[in-house]
Amino acid sequence: MAMNAGDIEKLIKAGIPDAQVTIRDLAGDGDHYAAEVVSESFRGKSRVIQHQMVYQALQGNMGGVLHALALQTSVPD
């Protein structure tokens, strides 16, 4: 069973409360998403750490019910 975009957004926001999250379904199949996550908590952290923070917020769903996620992280302007 695939995750829907709303569930992905809720998990990320629960794990990173100040995050601004944009989710796009890339293939229209509910399995391949792109996420843009902007958070002040990313400031000063490497891109690898930022992505790990998002994966942690997804509570183990990455690679399971969430098959593919193209991830872009940044800090607010």
N, C-alpha and C. Protein backbone atom coordinates (compact mmCIF):
# COMPACT_ATOMS: atom_id res chain seq x y z
N MET A 1 0.85 -1.19 0.00
CA MET A 1 0.00 0.00 0.00
C MET A 1 0.88 1.24 0.00
N ALA A 2 0.57 2.19 -0.86
CA ALA A 2 1.36 3.41 -0.99
C ALA A 2 0.90 4.46 0.01
N MET A 3 1.77 5.42 0.25
CA MET A 3 1.42 6.57 1.10
C MET A 3 0.86 7.67 0.22
N ASN A 4 -0.02 8.48 0.78
CA ASN A 4 -0.47 9.63 0.01
C ASN A 4 0.33 10.87 0.41
N ALA A 5 0.27 11.88 -0.42
CA ALA A 5 1.08 13.09 -0.22
C ALA A 5 0.78 13.75 1.13
N GLY A 6 -0.47 13.75 1.53
CA GLY A 6 -0.85 14.37 2.80
C GLY A 6 -0.21 13.69 3.99
N ASP A 7 -0.13 12.36 3.94
CA ASP A 7 0.50 11.62 5.03
C ASP A 7 2.00 11.91 5.11
N ILE A 8 2.64 12.00 3.95
CA ILE A 8 4.07 12.32 3.91
C ILE A 8 4.30 13.70 4.53
N GLU A 9 3.49 14.67 4.12
CA GLU A 9 3.62 16.03 4.65
C GLU A 9 3.41 16.07 6.16
N LYS A 10 2.39 15.36 6.65
CA LYS A 10 2.11 15.33 8.09
C LYS A 10 3.27 14.75 8.88
N LEU A 11 3.86 13.66 8.39
CA LEU A 11 4.99 13.04 9.09
C LEU A 11 6.19 13.98 9.14
N ILE A 12 6.48 14.63 8.02
CA ILE A 12 7.63 15.54 7.99
C ILE A 12 7.39 16.71 8.93
N LYS A 13 6.20 17.29 8.91
CA LYS A 13 5.89 18.42 9.79
C LYS A 13 5.87 18.02 11.26
N ALA A 14 5.49 16.79 11.55
CA ALA A 14 5.50 16.31 12.93
C ALA A 14 6.94 16.17 13.43
N GLY A 15 7.83 15.72 12.55
CA GLY A 15 9.22 15.53 12.93
C GLY A 15 10.06 16.78 12.87
N ILE A 16 9.66 17.71 11.99
CA ILE A 16 10.37 18.99 11.82
C ILE A 16 9.30 20.08 11.85
N PRO A 17 8.89 20.50 13.06
CA PRO A 17 7.71 21.36 13.21
C PRO A 17 7.74 22.68 12.44
N ASP A 18 8.92 23.26 12.22
CA ASP A 18 8.96 24.55 11.52
C ASP A 18 9.06 24.39 10.01
N ALA A 19 8.99 23.17 9.50
CA ALA A 19 9.20 22.90 8.08
C ALA A 19 8.06 23.43 7.22
N GLN A 20 8.46 23.97 6.08
CA GLN A 20 7.52 24.28 5.00
C GLN A 20 7.71 23.14 4.01
N VAL A 21 6.65 22.41 3.72
CA VAL A 21 6.76 21.18 2.93
C VAL A 21 5.89 21.28 1.68
N THR A 22 6.48 20.94 0.53
CA THR A 22 5.74 20.84 -0.72
C THR A 22 5.97 19.43 -1.27
N ILE A 23 4.89 18.71 -1.52
CA ILE A 23 4.97 17.35 -2.03
C ILE A 23 4.35 17.30 -3.42
N ARG A 24 5.03 16.65 -4.35
CA ARG A 24 4.49 16.43 -5.69
C ARG A 24 4.53 14.94 -6.01
N ASP A 25 3.45 14.43 -6.58
CA ASP A 25 3.40 13.04 -7.06
C ASP A 25 4.00 13.04 -8.46
N LEU A 26 5.17 12.45 -8.62
CA LEU A 26 5.91 12.54 -9.87
C LEU A 26 5.32 11.70 -11.00
N ALA A 27 4.78 10.55 -10.67
CA ALA A 27 4.32 9.63 -11.71
C ALA A 27 2.81 9.43 -11.70
N GLY A 28 2.12 10.02 -10.73
CA GLY A 28 0.68 9.84 -10.64
C GLY A 28 0.28 8.47 -10.12
N ASP A 29 1.27 7.74 -9.55
CA ASP A 29 0.99 6.38 -9.10
C ASP A 29 0.98 6.23 -7.58
N GLY A 30 1.20 7.34 -6.86
CA GLY A 30 1.22 7.28 -5.41
C GLY A 30 2.44 6.59 -4.84
N ASP A 31 3.44 6.31 -5.67
CA ASP A 31 4.66 5.63 -5.23
C ASP A 31 5.92 6.48 -5.40
N HIS A 32 5.87 7.47 -6.27
CA HIS A 32 7.05 8.26 -6.60
C HIS A 32 6.75 9.73 -6.36
N TYR A 33 7.38 10.27 -5.32
CA TYR A 33 7.12 11.64 -4.92
C TYR A 33 8.39 12.48 -4.94
N ALA A 34 8.20 13.79 -5.02
CA ALA A 34 9.26 14.76 -4.81
C ALA A 34 8.83 15.61 -3.62
N ALA A 35 9.75 15.89 -2.74
CA ALA A 35 9.46 16.72 -1.57
C ALA A 35 10.48 17.84 -1.50
N GLU A 36 9.97 19.05 -1.31
CA GLU A 36 10.82 20.20 -1.02
C GLU A 36 10.54 20.57 0.43
N VAL A 37 11.59 20.56 1.24
CA VAL A 37 11.45 20.84 2.67
C VAL A 37 12.36 22.01 3.02
N VAL A 38 11.77 23.07 3.54
CA VAL A 38 12.51 24.26 3.94
C VAL A 38 12.36 24.40 5.45
N SER A 39 13.49 24.48 6.16
CA SER A 39 13.44 24.57 7.61
C SER A 39 14.64 25.31 8.16
N GLU A 40 14.40 26.16 9.14
CA GLU A 40 15.48 26.86 9.83
C GLU A 40 16.37 25.84 10.57
N SER A 41 15.80 24.73 10.97
CA SER A 41 16.58 23.72 11.71
C SER A 41 17.66 23.08 10.84
N PHE A 42 17.62 23.29 9.53
CA PHE A 42 18.66 22.78 8.63
C PHE A 42 19.90 23.69 8.60
N ARG A 43 19.76 24.90 9.08
CA ARG A 43 20.86 25.88 8.98
C ARG A 43 22.13 25.32 9.64
N GLY A 44 23.24 25.40 8.90
CA GLY A 44 24.53 24.97 9.40
C GLY A 44 24.77 23.47 9.31
N LYS A 45 23.78 22.74 8.81
CA LYS A 45 23.91 21.29 8.69
C LYS A 45 24.19 20.91 7.23
N SER A 46 24.94 19.85 7.05
CA SER A 46 25.23 19.39 5.69
C SER A 46 23.95 18.86 5.04
N ARG A 47 23.98 18.77 3.73
CA ARG A 47 22.83 18.25 2.98
C ARG A 47 22.52 16.82 3.43
N VAL A 48 23.55 16.03 3.70
CA VAL A 48 23.35 14.65 4.16
C VAL A 48 22.58 14.63 5.48
N ILE A 49 22.97 15.48 6.42
CA ILE A 49 22.29 15.55 7.72
C ILE A 49 20.85 16.03 7.54
N GLN A 50 20.66 17.02 6.67
CA GLN A 50 19.30 17.52 6.40
C GLN A 50 18.41 16.39 5.89
N HIS A 51 18.92 15.61 4.95
CA HIS A 51 18.13 14.51 4.40
C HIS A 51 17.88 13.44 5.45
N GLN A 52 18.87 13.16 6.27
CA GLN A 52 18.68 12.20 7.36
C GLN A 52 17.59 12.65 8.31
N MET A 53 17.51 13.95 8.56
CA MET A 53 16.46 14.49 9.43
C MET A 53 15.08 14.22 8.84
N VAL A 54 14.96 14.41 7.53
CA VAL A 54 13.68 14.15 6.87
C VAL A 54 13.35 12.66 6.91
N TYR A 55 14.33 11.81 6.61
CA TYR A 55 14.10 10.37 6.64
C TYR A 55 13.69 9.92 8.04
N GLN A 56 14.30 10.49 9.06
CA GLN A 56 13.94 10.15 10.43
C GLN A 56 12.50 10.56 10.70
N ALA A 57 12.10 11.72 10.20
CA ALA A 57 10.72 12.20 10.39
C ALA A 57 9.72 11.25 9.71
N LEU A 58 10.16 10.56 8.67
CA LEU A 58 9.27 9.64 7.95
C LEU A 58 9.09 8.31 8.69
N GLN A 59 9.72 8.17 9.82
CA GLN A 59 9.50 7.06 10.75
C GLN A 59 9.61 5.68 10.11
N GLY A 60 10.65 5.48 9.31
CA GLY A 60 10.90 4.16 8.73
C GLY A 60 10.05 3.80 7.52
N ASN A 61 9.24 4.71 7.04
CA ASN A 61 8.40 4.43 5.87
C ASN A 61 9.15 4.48 4.55
N MET A 62 10.31 5.17 4.54
CA MET A 62 11.10 5.29 3.31
C MET A 62 11.61 3.90 2.93
N GLY A 63 11.39 3.51 1.67
CA GLY A 63 11.82 2.21 1.20
C GLY A 63 10.80 1.12 1.48
N GLY A 64 9.78 1.44 2.25
CA GLY A 64 8.70 0.50 2.52
C GLY A 64 7.46 0.94 1.78
N VAL A 65 6.50 1.50 2.52
CA VAL A 65 5.28 1.99 1.87
C VAL A 65 5.54 3.23 1.03
N LEU A 66 6.62 3.92 1.32
CA LEU A 66 7.04 5.05 0.50
C LEU A 66 8.19 4.57 -0.36
N HIS A 67 7.90 4.29 -1.62
CA HIS A 67 8.87 3.65 -2.50
C HIS A 67 10.00 4.58 -2.93
N ALA A 68 9.66 5.79 -3.38
CA ALA A 68 10.69 6.69 -3.90
C ALA A 68 10.36 8.13 -3.54
N LEU A 69 11.37 8.85 -3.08
CA LEU A 69 11.19 10.25 -2.71
C LEU A 69 12.41 11.05 -3.17
N ALA A 70 12.20 11.92 -4.14
CA ALA A 70 13.23 12.86 -4.57
C ALA A 70 13.18 14.01 -3.58
N LEU A 71 14.26 14.23 -2.88
CA LEU A 71 14.25 15.17 -1.76
C LEU A 71 15.13 16.37 -2.02
N GLN A 72 14.57 17.55 -1.78
CA GLN A 72 15.31 18.81 -1.86
C GLN A 72 15.10 19.53 -0.55
N THR A 73 16.21 19.86 0.13
CA THR A 73 16.12 20.56 1.42
C THR A 73 16.87 21.88 1.34
N SER A 74 16.40 22.85 2.13
CA SER A 74 17.06 24.15 2.18
C SER A 74 16.63 24.90 3.44
N VAL A 75 17.31 26.01 3.68
CA VAL A 75 16.94 26.89 4.78
C VAL A 75 16.16 28.06 4.21
N PRO A 76 15.34 28.73 5.02
CA PRO A 76 14.58 29.89 4.52
C PRO A 76 15.54 31.01 4.09
N ASP A 77 15.08 31.79 3.11
CA ASP A 77 15.87 32.94 2.63
C ASP A 77 15.96 34.01 3.68
